[in-house]
Amino acid sequence: MRGVTGLLRPCLVCLFLLAAAKPAMAQDKPASPVPKDQVIFQIEGKNARTTGAFRAQGKFEVRWTARGSTFLVRLLDDEDTILDSSDLQTRGDVKPKVGKLVNRGPGLFKLSIEATGPWRVRVLKAQ
């Protein structure tokens, strides 16, 4: 029995170290809540979709949280020209993918989303 206890001790140390390292993974946390008056447009969905148009009066940010193995968002103008695009985010697990694009606006815009799995995208007024 002494041999089993000797094996468990290193495992407990590993678990402690893993638990202590958890705060270093802050990039996996979804974005914090935003005041409603800062939200220009928001949408939730699954898989691929192109949104309807939204109007921004000035500088704005496109922020997202997505689960699934891939996510990509493109900012389009009202004629479907690509103005900006996120990098393709891939990951084999379901940890959230988060990110943002910034645009100076103003204008009429759409979002083209390519994803596997659920996502949430918000367009917010930027400072």
Foldseek 3Di string as FASTA:
>chain_A
DVVVVVVVVVVVVVVVVVVVCVVVVVQLDADDDDDPVFFQDKDKDAFWDKDDKTFDPFKKKKKKKFFDAWKKKFKAAPVRDTPDIDPIHGDHGGRIHIDMDIDGDGHMIMMTMGGHGMMMITMGHDD
